[in-house]
PDB file of N, CA and C in Angstrom:
ATOM      1  N   MET A   1      12.280 -25.447  11.139  1.00  0.00           N
ATOM      2  CA  MET A   1      11.030 -25.581  11.923  1.00  0.00           C
ATOM      3  C   MET A   1      10.016 -24.625  11.227  1.00  0.00           C
ATOM      4  N   LEU A   2      10.338 -23.470  10.852  1.00  0.00           N
ATOM      5  CA  LEU A   2       9.397 -22.630  10.185  1.00  0.00           C
ATOM      6  C   LEU A   2       9.407 -22.626   8.624  1.00  0.00           C
ATOM      7  N   LYS A   3      10.434 -23.276   8.156  1.00  0.00           N
ATOM      8  CA  LYS A   3      10.610 -23.335   6.610  1.00  0.00           C
ATOM      9  C   LYS A   3       9.317 -23.781   5.922  1.00  0.00           C
ATOM     10  N   ASP A   4       9.011 -22.982   4.935  1.00  0.00           N
ATOM     11  CA  ASP A   4       7.777 -23.189   4.079  1.00  0.00           C
ATOM     12  C   ASP A   4       6.421 -22.981   4.847  1.00  0.00           C
ATOM     13  N   LYS A   5       6.445 -22.275   5.946  1.00  0.00           N
ATOM     14  CA  LYS A   5       5.232 -21.843   6.701  1.00  0.00           C
ATOM     15  C   LYS A   5       4.947 -20.370   6.318  1.00  0.00           C
ATOM     16  N   MET A   6       3.674 -20.039   6.278  1.00  0.00           N
ATOM     17  CA  MET A   6       3.293 -18.614   6.147  1.00  0.00           C
ATOM     18  C   MET A   6       3.378 -18.099   7.480  1.00  0.00           C
ATOM     19  N   VAL A   7       3.956 -16.853   7.564  1.00  0.00           N
ATOM     20  CA  VAL A   7       4.072 -16.174   8.837  1.00  0.00           C
ATOM     21  C   VAL A   7       3.830 -14.672   8.699  1.00  0.00           C
ATOM     22  N   ARG A   8       3.547 -14.059   9.920  1.00  0.00           N
ATOM     23  CA  ARG A   8       3.664 -12.626  10.001  1.00  0.00           C
ATOM     24  C   ARG A   8       4.655 -12.281  10.951  1.00  0.00           C
ATOM     25  N   ILE A   9       5.611 -11.487  10.596  1.00  0.00           N
ATOM     26  CA  ILE A   9       6.750 -11.100  11.452  1.00  0.00           C
ATOM     27  C   ILE A   9       6.613  -9.671  11.795  1.00  0.00           C
ATOM     28  N   ARG A  10       6.466  -9.363  13.110  1.00  0.00           N
ATOM     29  CA  ARG A  10       6.307  -7.976  13.561  1.00  0.00           C
ATOM     30  C   ARG A  10       7.667  -7.481  14.013  1.00  0.00           C
ATOM     31  N   LEU A  11       8.111  -6.314  13.471  1.00  0.00           N
ATOM     32  CA  LEU A  11       9.412  -5.794  13.926  1.00  0.00           C
ATOM     33  C   LEU A  11       9.314  -4.975  15.143  1.00  0.00           C
ATOM     34  N   LYS A  12      10.449  -4.989  15.871  1.00  0.00           N
ATOM     35  CA  LYS A  12      10.610  -4.240  17.206  1.00  0.00           C
ATOM     36  C   LYS A  12      10.523  -2.701  16.778  1.00  0.00           C
ATOM     37  N   LYS A  13      10.062  -1.861  17.667  1.00  0.00           N
ATOM     38  CA  LYS A  13      10.221  -0.436  17.479  1.00  0.00           C
ATOM     39  C   LYS A  13      11.322  -0.039  18.310  1.00  0.00           C
ATOM     40  N   PHE A  14      12.369   0.696  17.726  1.00  0.00           N
ATOM     41  CA  PHE A  14      13.480   1.093  18.523  1.00  0.00           C
ATOM     42  C   PHE A  14      13.430   2.516  19.017  1.00  0.00           C
ATOM     43  N   TYR A  15      12.354   3.252  18.618  1.00  0.00           N
ATOM     44  CA  TYR A  15      12.191   4.559  19.131  1.00  0.00           C
ATOM     45  C   TYR A  15      10.701   4.870  18.989  1.00  0.00           C
ATOM     46  N   LYS A  16      10.236   5.765  19.784  1.00  0.00           N
ATOM     47  CA  LYS A  16       8.766   6.043  19.954  1.00  0.00           C
ATOM     48  C   LYS A  16       8.080   6.476  18.644  1.00  0.00           C
ATOM     49  N   GLU A  17       8.696   7.254  17.892  1.00  0.00           N
ATOM     50  CA  GLU A  17       8.107   7.723  16.597  1.00  0.00           C
ATOM     51  C   GLU A  17       8.094   6.707  15.445  1.00  0.00           C
ATOM     52  N   GLN A  18       8.840   5.597  15.596  1.00  0.00           N
ATOM     53  CA  GLN A  18       8.910   4.649  14.576  1.00  0.00           C
ATOM     54  C   GLN A  18       7.562   4.070  14.242  1.00  0.00           C
ATOM     55  N   LYS A  19       7.270   3.928  12.985  1.00  0.00           N
ATOM     56  CA  LYS A  19       6.024   3.308  12.523  1.00  0.00           C
ATOM     57  C   LYS A  19       5.984   1.805  12.718  1.00  0.00           C
ATOM     58  N   PRO A  20       4.853   1.268  13.184  1.00  0.00           N
ATOM     59  CA  PRO A  20       4.804  -0.250  13.303  1.00  0.00           C
ATOM     60  C   PRO A  20       4.933  -0.846  11.851  1.00  0.00           C
ATOM     61  N   PHE A  21       5.741  -1.904  11.817  1.00  0.00           N
ATOM     62  CA  PHE A  21       6.016  -2.620  10.458  1.00  0.00           C
ATOM     63  C   PHE A  21       6.000  -4.092  10.652  1.00  0.00           C
ATOM     64  N   SER A  22       5.355  -4.747   9.742  1.00  0.00           N
ATOM     65  CA  SER A  22       5.309  -6.241   9.705  1.00  0.00           C
ATOM     66  C   SER A  22       5.722  -6.666   8.327  1.00  0.00           C
ATOM     67  N   TYR A  23       6.053  -7.935   8.270  1.00  0.00           N
ATOM     68  CA  TYR A  23       6.189  -8.702   6.993  1.00  0.00           C
ATOM     69  C   TYR A  23       5.328  -9.831   7.053  1.00  0.00           C
ATOM     70  N   VAL A  24       4.681 -10.154   5.908  1.00  0.00           N
ATOM     71  CA  VAL A  24       3.888 -11.336   5.790  1.00  0.00           C
ATOM     72  C   VAL A  24       4.345 -12.101   4.554  1.00  0.00           C
ATOM     73  N   GLY A  25       4.618 -13.433   4.799  1.00  0.00           N
ATOM     74  CA  GLY A  25       4.968 -14.152   3.662  1.00  0.00           C
ATOM     75  C   GLY A  25       5.363 -15.659   4.061  1.00  0.00           C
ATOM     76  N   LYS A  26       5.961 -16.322   3.081  1.00  0.00           N
ATOM     77  CA  LYS A  26       6.296 -17.760   3.295  1.00  0.00           C
ATOM     78  C   LYS A  26       7.841 -17.790   3.655  1.00  0.00           C
ATOM     79  N   VAL A  27       8.215 -18.608   4.718  1.00  0.00           N
ATOM     80  CA  VAL A  27       9.676 -18.610   5.135  1.00  0.00           C
ATOM     81  C   VAL A  27      10.383 -19.435   4.102  1.00  0.00           C
ATOM     82  N   SER A  28      11.496 -18.908   3.451  1.00  0.00           N
ATOM     83  CA  SER A  28      12.195 -19.730   2.443  1.00  0.00           C
ATOM     84  C   SER A  28      13.561 -20.199   3.059  1.00  0.00           C
ATOM     85  N   ALA A  29      14.097 -19.526   4.060  1.00  0.00           N
ATOM     86  CA  ALA A  29      15.405 -19.931   4.761  1.00  0.00           C
ATOM     87  C   ALA A  29      15.362 -19.424   6.201  1.00  0.00           C
ATOM     88  N   TRP A  30      16.194 -20.000   7.021  1.00  0.00           N
ATOM     89  CA  TRP A  30      16.239 -19.672   8.399  1.00  0.00           C
ATOM     90  C   TRP A  30      17.623 -19.912   8.950  1.00  0.00           C
ATOM     91  N   SER A  31      18.234 -18.941   9.640  1.00  0.00           N
ATOM     92  CA  SER A  31      19.513 -19.253  10.228  1.00  0.00           C
ATOM     93  C   SER A  31      19.486 -18.552  11.636  1.00  0.00           C
ATOM     94  N   GLU A  32      20.637 -18.642  12.425  1.00  0.00           N
ATOM     95  CA  GLU A  32      20.629 -18.112  13.755  1.00  0.00           C
ATOM     96  C   GLU A  32      20.680 -16.558  13.696  1.00  0.00           C
ATOM     97  N   ASN A  33      20.964 -15.921  12.537  1.00  0.00           N
ATOM     98  CA  ASN A  33      21.083 -14.410  12.468  1.00  0.00           C
ATOM     99  C   ASN A  33      19.948 -13.844  11.730  1.00  0.00           C
ATOM    100  N   TRP A  34      19.158 -14.508  10.750  1.00  0.00           N
ATOM    101  CA  TRP A  34      18.258 -13.952   9.968  1.00  0.00           C
ATOM    102  C   TRP A  34      17.137 -14.872   9.419  1.00  0.00           C
ATOM    103  N   ILE A  35      16.065 -14.415   9.012  1.00  0.00           N
ATOM    104  CA  ILE A  35      14.992 -15.159   8.370  1.00  0.00           C
ATOM    105  C   ILE A  35      14.785 -14.640   7.020  1.00  0.00           C
ATOM    106  N   ALA A  36      14.623 -15.447   5.955  1.00  0.00           N
ATOM    107  CA  ALA A  36      14.332 -14.973   4.589  1.00  0.00           C
ATOM    108  C   ALA A  36      12.928 -15.426   4.300  1.00  0.00           C
ATOM    109  N   ILE A  37      12.124 -14.517   3.870  1.00  0.00           N
ATOM    110  CA  ILE A  37      10.730 -14.794   3.479  1.00  0.00           C
ATOM    111  C   ILE A  37      10.468 -14.200   2.023  1.00  0.00           C
ATOM    112  N   GLU A  38       9.585 -14.894   1.368  1.00  0.00           N
ATOM    113  CA  GLU A  38       9.042 -14.362   0.140  1.00  0.00           C
ATOM    114  C   GLU A  38       7.683 -13.769   0.536  1.00  0.00           C
ATOM    115  N   GLY A  39       7.640 -12.418   0.533  1.00  0.00           N
ATOM    116  CA  GLY A  39       6.450 -11.817   0.955  1.00  0.00           C
ATOM    117  C   GLY A  39       6.265 -10.320   0.698  1.00  0.00           C
ATOM    118  N   LYS A  40       5.465  -9.580   1.575  1.00  0.00           N
ATOM    119  CA  LYS A  40       5.189  -8.234   1.506  1.00  0.00           C
ATOM    120  C   LYS A  40       5.373  -7.575   2.788  1.00  0.00           C
ATOM    121  N   GLY A  41       5.751  -6.260   2.749  1.00  0.00           N
ATOM    122  CA  GLY A  41       5.758  -5.523   3.987  1.00  0.00           C
ATOM    123  C   GLY A  41       4.483  -4.792   4.198  1.00  0.00           C
ATOM    124  N   ILE A  42       4.166  -4.508   5.503  1.00  0.00           N
ATOM    125  CA  ILE A  42       2.923  -3.839   5.863  1.00  0.00           C
ATOM    126  C   ILE A  42       3.318  -2.728   6.893  1.00  0.00           C
ATOM    127  N   MET A  43       3.016  -1.491   6.559  1.00  0.00           N
ATOM    128  CA  MET A  43       3.424  -0.423   7.536  1.00  0.00           C
ATOM    129  C   MET A  43       2.209   0.425   7.854  1.00  0.00           C
ATOM    130  N   LEU A  44       1.949   0.801   9.057  1.00  0.00           N
ATOM    131  CA  LEU A  44       0.884   1.684   9.496  1.00  0.00           C
ATOM    132  C   LEU A  44       1.148   3.026   8.851  1.00  0.00           C
ATOM    133  N   SER A  45       0.095   3.673   8.357  1.00  0.00           N
ATOM    134  CA  SER A  45       0.347   5.036   7.718  1.00  0.00           C
ATOM    135  C   SER A  45      -0.824   5.871   7.847  1.00  0.00           C
ATOM    136  N   ARG A  46      -0.717   7.059   8.346  1.00  0.00           N
ATOM    137  CA  ARG A  46      -1.828   7.970   8.511  1.00  0.00           C
ATOM    138  C   ARG A  46      -2.254   8.497   7.113  1.00  0.00           C
ATOM    139  N   GLN A  47      -1.352   8.566   6.172  1.00  0.00           N
ATOM    140  CA  GLN A  47      -1.726   9.088   4.888  1.00  0.00           C
ATOM    141  C   GLN A  47      -2.671   8.182   4.107  1.00  0.00           C
ATOM    142  N   SER A  48      -2.784   6.930   4.430  1.00  0.00           N
ATOM    143  CA  SER A  48      -3.557   5.998   3.670  1.00  0.00           C
ATOM    144  C   SER A  48      -4.959   5.893   4.311  1.00  0.00           C
ATOM    145  N   SER A  49      -5.896   5.883   3.399  1.00  0.00           N
ATOM    146  CA  SER A  49      -7.371   5.733   3.827  1.00  0.00           C
ATOM    147  C   SER A  49      -7.606   4.488   4.555  1.00  0.00           C
ATOM    148  N   THR A  50      -6.863   3.424   4.378  1.00  0.00           N
ATOM    149  CA  THR A  50      -6.995   2.110   5.062  1.00  0.00           C
ATOM    150  C   THR A  50      -6.203   2.047   6.259  1.00  0.00           C
ATOM    151  N   GLY A  51      -5.288   3.024   6.461  1.00  0.00           N
ATOM    152  CA  GLY A  51      -4.563   3.028   7.717  1.00  0.00           C
ATOM    153  C   GLY A  51      -3.194   2.305   7.591  1.00  0.00           C
ATOM    154  N   VAL A  52      -3.057   1.575   6.372  1.00  0.00           N
ATOM    155  CA  VAL A  52      -1.802   0.766   6.117  1.00  0.00           C
ATOM    156  C   VAL A  52      -1.298   1.020   4.786  1.00  0.00           C
ATOM    157  N   GLN A  53      -0.017   0.801   4.561  1.00  0.00           N
ATOM    158  CA  GLN A  53       0.641   0.751   3.236  1.00  0.00           C
ATOM    159  C   GLN A  53       1.114  -0.690   3.092  1.00  0.00           C
ATOM    160  N   ILE A  54       0.734  -1.389   1.993  1.00  0.00           N
ATOM    161  CA  ILE A  54       1.166  -2.730   1.716  1.00  0.00           C
ATOM    162  C   ILE A  54       1.898  -2.747   0.418  1.00  0.00           C
ATOM    163  N   ASP A  55       3.114  -3.385   0.449  1.00  0.00           N
ATOM    164  CA  ASP A  55       3.949  -3.541  -0.741  1.00  0.00           C
ATOM    165  C   ASP A  55       3.071  -4.141  -1.836  1.00  0.00           C
ATOM    166  N   GLY A  56       3.345  -3.626  -3.060  1.00  0.00           N
ATOM    167  CA  GLY A  56       2.551  -4.154  -4.220  1.00  0.00           C
ATOM    168  C   GLY A  56       2.964  -5.497  -4.740  1.00  0.00           C
ATOM    169  N   ASP A  57       4.231  -5.664  -4.669  1.00  0.00           N
ATOM    170  CA  ASP A  57       4.721  -6.980  -5.222  1.00  0.00           C
ATOM    171  C   ASP A  57       5.370  -7.838  -4.124  1.00  0.00           C
ATOM    172  N   ILE A  58       5.349  -9.113  -4.417  1.00  0.00           N
ATOM    173  CA  ILE A  58       6.099 -10.140  -3.496  1.00  0.00           C
ATOM    174  C   ILE A  58       7.534 -10.073  -3.812  1.00  0.00           C
ATOM    175  N   LYS A  59       8.343 -10.029  -2.749  1.00  0.00           N
ATOM    176  CA  LYS A  59       9.785 -10.027  -3.043  1.00  0.00           C
ATOM    177  C   LYS A  59      10.457 -10.811  -1.882  1.00  0.00           C
ATOM    178  N   VAL A  60      11.692 -11.184  -2.095  1.00  0.00           N
ATOM    179  CA  VAL A  60      12.464 -11.883  -1.120  1.00  0.00           C
ATOM    180  C   VAL A  60      13.020 -10.822  -0.021  1.00  0.00           C
ATOM    181  N   ILE A  61      12.734 -11.120   1.186  1.00  0.00           N
ATOM    182  CA  ILE A  61      13.150 -10.179   2.323  1.00  0.00           C
ATOM    183  C   ILE A  61      14.002 -10.897   3.305  1.00  0.00           C
ATOM    184  N   LEU A  62      15.041 -10.366   3.693  1.00  0.00           N
ATOM    185  CA  LEU A  62      15.945 -10.889   4.730  1.00  0.00           C
ATOM    186  C   LEU A  62      15.678 -10.077   5.968  1.00  0.00           C
ATOM    187  N   VAL A  63      15.260 -10.686   7.059  1.00  0.00           N
ATOM    188  CA  VAL A  63      14.886 -10.009   8.213  1.00  0.00           C
ATOM    189  C   VAL A  63      15.900 -10.393   9.367  1.00  0.00           C
ATOM    190  N   PRO A  64      16.662  -9.474   9.936  1.00  0.00           N
ATOM    191  CA  PRO A  64      17.648  -9.831  11.001  1.00  0.00           C
ATOM    192  C   PRO A  64      16.765 -10.261  12.243  1.00  0.00           C
ATOM    193  N   ARG A  65      17.190 -11.340  12.804  1.00  0.00           N
ATOM    194  CA  ARG A  65      16.452 -11.927  13.913  1.00  0.00           C
ATOM    195  C   ARG A  65      16.418 -11.003  15.184  1.00  0.00           C
ATOM    196  N   GLU A  66      17.452 -10.109  15.294  1.00  0.00           N
ATOM    197  CA  GLU A  66      17.505  -9.240  16.478  1.00  0.00           C
ATOM    198  C   GLU A  66      16.420  -8.073  16.338  1.00  0.00           C
ATOM    199  N   SER A  67      15.895  -7.893  15.127  1.00  0.00           N
ATOM    200  CA  SER A  67      14.966  -6.812  14.917  1.00  0.00           C
ATOM    201  C   SER A  67      13.480  -7.416  15.028  1.00  0.00           C
ATOM    202  N   ILE A  68      13.295  -8.656  15.310  1.00  0.00           N
ATOM    203  CA  ILE A  68      11.977  -9.343  15.313  1.00  0.00           C
ATOM    204  C   ILE A  68      11.391  -9.291  16.715  1.00  0.00           C
ATOM    205  N   GLU A  69      10.220  -8.766  16.835  1.00  0.00           N
ATOM    206  CA  GLU A  69       9.465  -8.675  18.046  1.00  0.00           C
ATOM    207  C   GLU A  69       8.690 -10.031  18.253  1.00  0.00           C
ATOM    208  N   THR A  70       7.870 -10.374  17.172  1.00  0.00           N
ATOM    209  CA  THR A  70       7.120 -11.661  17.260  1.00  0.00           C
ATOM    210  C   THR A  70       7.034 -12.269  15.909  1.00  0.00           C
ATOM    211  N   ILE A  71       6.713 -13.550  15.910  1.00  0.00           N
ATOM    212  CA  ILE A  71       6.420 -14.278  14.645  1.00  0.00           C
ATOM    213  C   ILE A  71       5.122 -15.040  14.978  1.00  0.00           C
ATOM    214  N   GLN A  72       4.213 -14.851  14.002  1.00  0.00           N
ATOM    215  CA  GLN A  72       2.940 -15.543  14.143  1.00  0.00           C
ATOM    216  C   GLN A  72       2.843 -16.433  12.947  1.00  0.00           C
ATOM    217  N   VAL A  73       2.512 -17.705  13.222  1.00  0.00           N
ATOM    218  CA  VAL A  73       2.352 -18.706  12.081  1.00  0.00           C
ATOM    219  C   VAL A  73       0.868 -18.567  11.519  1.00  0.00           C
ATOM    220  N   LEU A  74       0.841 -18.305  10.217  1.00  0.00           N
ATOM    221  CA  LEU A  74      -0.481 -18.129   9.595  1.00  0.00           C
ATOM    222  C   LEU A  74      -0.937 -19.443   8.913  1.00  0.00           C
ATOM    223  N   PRO A  75      -2.194 -19.636   8.617  1.00  0.00           N
ATOM    224  CA  PRO A  75      -2.653 -20.821   7.961  1.00  0.00           C
ATOM    225  C   PRO A  75      -1.963 -20.885   6.529  1.00  0.00           C
ATOM    226  N   ASP A  76      -1.716 -22.014   6.176  1.00  0.00           N
ATOM    227  CA  ASP A  76      -1.118 -22.261   4.721  1.00  0.00           C
ATOM    228  C   ASP A  76      -1.951 -21.738   3.699  1.00  0.00           C
ATOM    229  N   SER A  77      -3.249 -21.571   3.918  1.00  0.00           N
ATOM    230  CA  SER A  77      -4.149 -21.149   2.891  1.00  0.00           C
ATOM    231  C   SER A  77      -4.157 -19.525   2.854  1.00  0.00           C
ATOM    232  N   PHE A  78      -3.388 -18.866   3.665  1.00  0.00           N
ATOM    233  CA  PHE A  78      -3.457 -17.345   3.652  1.00  0.00           C
ATOM    234  C   PHE A  78      -2.960 -16.968   2.288  1.00  0.00           C
ATOM    235  N   ASN A  79      -3.731 -16.004   1.685  1.00  0.00           N
ATOM    236  CA  ASN A  79      -3.538 -15.536   0.423  1.00  0.00           C
ATOM    237  C   ASN A  79      -2.686 -14.203   0.428  1.00  0.00           C
ATOM    238  N   ILE A  80      -1.425 -14.305   0.181  1.00  0.00           N
ATOM    239  CA  ILE A  80      -0.577 -13.136   0.207  1.00  0.00           C
ATOM    240  C   ILE A  80      -0.837 -12.093  -0.934  1.00  0.00           C
ATOM    241  N   SER A  81      -1.444 -12.515  -1.960  1.00  0.00           N
ATOM    242  CA  SER A  81      -1.829 -11.633  -3.048  1.00  0.00           C
ATOM    243  C   SER A  81      -3.047 -10.848  -2.758  1.00  0.00           C
ATOM    244  N   ASN A  82      -3.741 -11.235  -1.686  1.00  0.00           N
ATOM    245  CA  ASN A  82      -5.010 -10.454  -1.336  1.00  0.00           C
ATOM    246  C   ASN A  82      -5.013 -10.223   0.225  1.00  0.00           C
ATOM    247  N   ILE A  83      -3.951  -9.383   0.678  1.00  0.00           N
ATOM    248  CA  ILE A  83      -3.802  -9.083   2.029  1.00  0.00           C
ATOM    249  C   ILE A  83      -4.957  -7.949   2.441  1.00  0.00           C
ATOM    250  N   ARG A  84      -5.670  -8.293   3.437  1.00  0.00           N
ATOM    251  CA  ARG A  84      -6.774  -7.409   3.797  1.00  0.00           C
ATOM    252  C   ARG A  84      -6.608  -7.031   5.275  1.00  0.00           C
ATOM    253  N   THR A  85      -6.858  -5.725   5.502  1.00  0.00           N
ATOM    254  CA  THR A  85      -6.837  -5.208   6.905  1.00  0.00           C
ATOM    255  C   THR A  85      -8.193  -4.493   7.212  1.00  0.00           C
ATOM    256  N   THR A  86      -8.360  -4.277   8.492  1.00  0.00           N
ATOM    257  CA  THR A  86      -9.558  -3.505   8.955  1.00  0.00           C
ATOM    258  C   THR A  86      -9.225  -2.911  10.281  1.00  0.00           C
ATOM    259  N   THR A  87     -10.139  -2.094  10.798  1.00  0.00           N
ATOM    260  CA  THR A  87     -10.058  -1.531  12.056  1.00  0.00           C
ATOM    261  C   THR A  87     -10.934  -2.185  13.081  1.00  0.00           C
ATOM    262  N   GLU A  88     -10.447  -2.396  14.293  1.00  0.00           N
ATOM    263  CA  GLU A  88     -11.298  -2.841  15.385  1.00  0.00           C
ATOM    264  C   GLU A  88     -11.195  -1.885  16.529  1.00  0.00           C
ATOM    265  N   GLY A  89     -11.981  -0.909  16.684  1.00  0.00           N
ATOM    266  CA  GLY A  89     -11.862   0.105  17.593  1.00  0.00           C
ATOM    267  C   GLY A  89     -10.731   1.015  17.246  1.00  0.00           C
ATOM    268  N   GLN A  90      -9.608   1.109  18.055  1.00  0.00           N
ATOM    269  CA  GLN A  90      -8.452   1.857  17.704  1.00  0.00           C
ATOM    270  C   GLN A  90      -7.349   1.059  17.183  1.00  0.00           C
ATOM    271  N   GLN A  91      -7.575  -0.255  16.920  1.00  0.00           N
ATOM    272  CA  GLN A  91      -6.560  -1.131  16.333  1.00  0.00           C
ATOM    273  C   GLN A  91      -6.670  -1.403  14.948  1.00  0.00           C
ATOM    274  N   VAL A  92      -5.599  -1.469  14.205  1.00  0.00           N
ATOM    275  CA  VAL A  92      -5.472  -1.934  12.844  1.00  0.00           C
ATOM    276  C   VAL A  92      -5.111  -3.419  12.875  1.00  0.00           C
ATOM    277  N   VAL A  93      -5.870  -4.230  12.209  1.00  0.00           N
ATOM    278  CA  VAL A  93      -5.594  -5.785  12.282  1.00  0.00           C
ATOM    279  C   VAL A  93      -5.580  -6.328  10.846  1.00  0.00           C
ATOM    280  N   LEU A  94      -4.824  -7.347  10.744  1.00  0.00           N
ATOM    281  CA  LEU A  94      -4.671  -8.176   9.524  1.00  0.00           C
ATOM    282  C   LEU A  94      -5.815  -9.219   9.660  1.00  0.00           C
ATOM    283  N   ILE A  95      -6.532  -9.348   8.563  1.00  0.00           N
ATOM    284  CA  ILE A  95      -7.700 -10.263   8.552  1.00  0.00           C
ATOM    285  C   ILE A  95      -7.196 -11.543   8.109  1.00  0.00           C
ATOM    286  N   ILE A  96      -7.465 -12.615   8.945  1.00  0.00           N
ATOM    287  CA  ILE A  96      -6.969 -14.016   8.691  1.00  0.00           C
ATOM    288  C   ILE A  96      -8.215 -14.871   8.685  1.00  0.00           C
ATOM    289  N   ASP A  97      -8.650 -15.395   7.467  1.00  0.00           N
ATOM    290  CA  ASP A  97      -9.933 -16.112   7.308  1.00  0.00           C
ATOM    291  C   ASP A  97      -9.852 -17.333   8.301  1.00  0.00           C
ATOM    292  N   ASP A  98     -11.046 -17.518   8.924  1.00  0.00           N
ATOM    293  CA  ASP A  98     -11.255 -18.557   9.992  1.00  0.00           C
ATOM    294  C   ASP A  98     -10.383 -18.599  11.150  1.00  0.00           C
ATOM    295  N   LYS A  99      -9.634 -17.514  11.402  1.00  0.00           N
ATOM    296  CA  LYS A  99      -8.903 -17.354  12.614  1.00  0.00           C
ATOM    297  C   LYS A  99      -9.080 -15.996  13.142  1.00  0.00           C
ATOM    298  N   ARG A 100      -8.477 -15.844  14.366  1.00  0.00           N
ATOM    299  CA  ARG A 100      -8.484 -14.469  14.935  1.00  0.00           C
ATOM    300  C   ARG A 100      -7.578 -13.561  14.143  1.00  0.00           C
ATOM    301  N   SER A 101      -8.038 -12.278  14.113  1.00  0.00           N
ATOM    302  CA  SER A 101      -7.325 -11.308  13.338  1.00  0.00           C
ATOM    303  C   SER A 101      -5.921 -10.974  14.072  1.00  0.00           C
ATOM    304  N   SER A 102      -5.031 -10.482  13.263  1.00  0.00           N
ATOM    305  CA  SER A 102      -3.712 -10.312  13.880  1.00  0.00           C
ATOM    306  C   SER A 102      -3.458  -8.839  14.068  1.00  0.00           C
ATOM    307  N   PHE A 103      -3.045  -8.357  15.197  1.00  0.00           N
ATOM    308  CA  PHE A 103      -2.826  -6.966  15.590  1.00  0.00           C
ATOM    309  C   PHE A 103      -1.637  -6.456  14.780  1.00  0.00           C
ATOM    310  N   LEU A 104      -1.839  -5.283  14.104  1.00  0.00           N
ATOM    311  CA  LEU A 104      -0.776  -4.677  13.393  1.00  0.00           C
ATOM    312  C   LEU A 104      -0.273  -3.351  14.043  1.00  0.00           C
ATOM    313  N   GLY A 105      -1.131  -2.609  14.786  1.00  0.00           N
ATOM    314  CA  GLY A 105      -0.799  -1.412  15.463  1.00  0.00           C
ATOM    315  C   GLY A 105      -2.049  -0.641  15.845  1.00  0.00           C
ATOM    316  N   GLU A 106      -1.865   0.509  16.504  1.00  0.00           N
ATOM    317  CA  GLU A 106      -2.843   1.459  16.966  1.00  0.00           C
ATOM    318  C   GLU A 106      -3.009   2.518  15.892  1.00  0.00           C
ATOM    319  N   ILE A 107      -4.232   2.876  15.648  1.00  0.00           N
ATOM    320  CA  ILE A 107      -4.481   4.026  14.797  1.00  0.00           C
ATOM    321  C   ILE A 107      -3.799   5.244  15.310  1.00  0.00           C
ATOM    322  N   GLY A 108      -3.083   6.034  14.525  1.00  0.00           N
ATOM    323  CA  GLY A 108      -2.366   7.130  14.961  1.00  0.00           C
ATOM    324  C   GLY A 108      -0.917   6.920  15.110  1.00  0.00           C
ATOM    325  N   GLU A 109      -0.529   5.609  15.317  1.00  0.00           N
ATOM    326  CA  GLU A 109       0.883   5.222  15.371  1.00  0.00           C
ATOM    327  C   GLU A 109       1.594   5.439  14.058  1.00  0.00           C
ATOM    328  N   GLY A 110       0.953   5.406  12.947  1.00  0.00           N
ATOM    329  CA  GLY A 110       1.590   5.510  11.694  1.00  0.00           C
ATOM    330  C   GLY A 110       1.595   6.947  11.210  1.00  0.00           C
TER     331      GLY A 110
END
């Protein structure tokens, strides 16, 4: 169903102090227990001037399905090599060209 689609996977937070974390990439495999994507991780971070830390390289990531909060399908044209974020009020968002921005977290959560 999602194979070969570009997605943003938001992980669940299991405790209050946990930093919001998402993965962005192309789904390469799917099972009842995990999803494999070729992509990058994005974590909110107070130490970064942009408010986020983004992995430098694309890698294969196995995400356990029980740790997934949401999956958002992105346009096939989404450029994973040029991930852009911005702030909208107190929110940090992922910029998606020609679409509504995708919420990553609140400023101060990271």
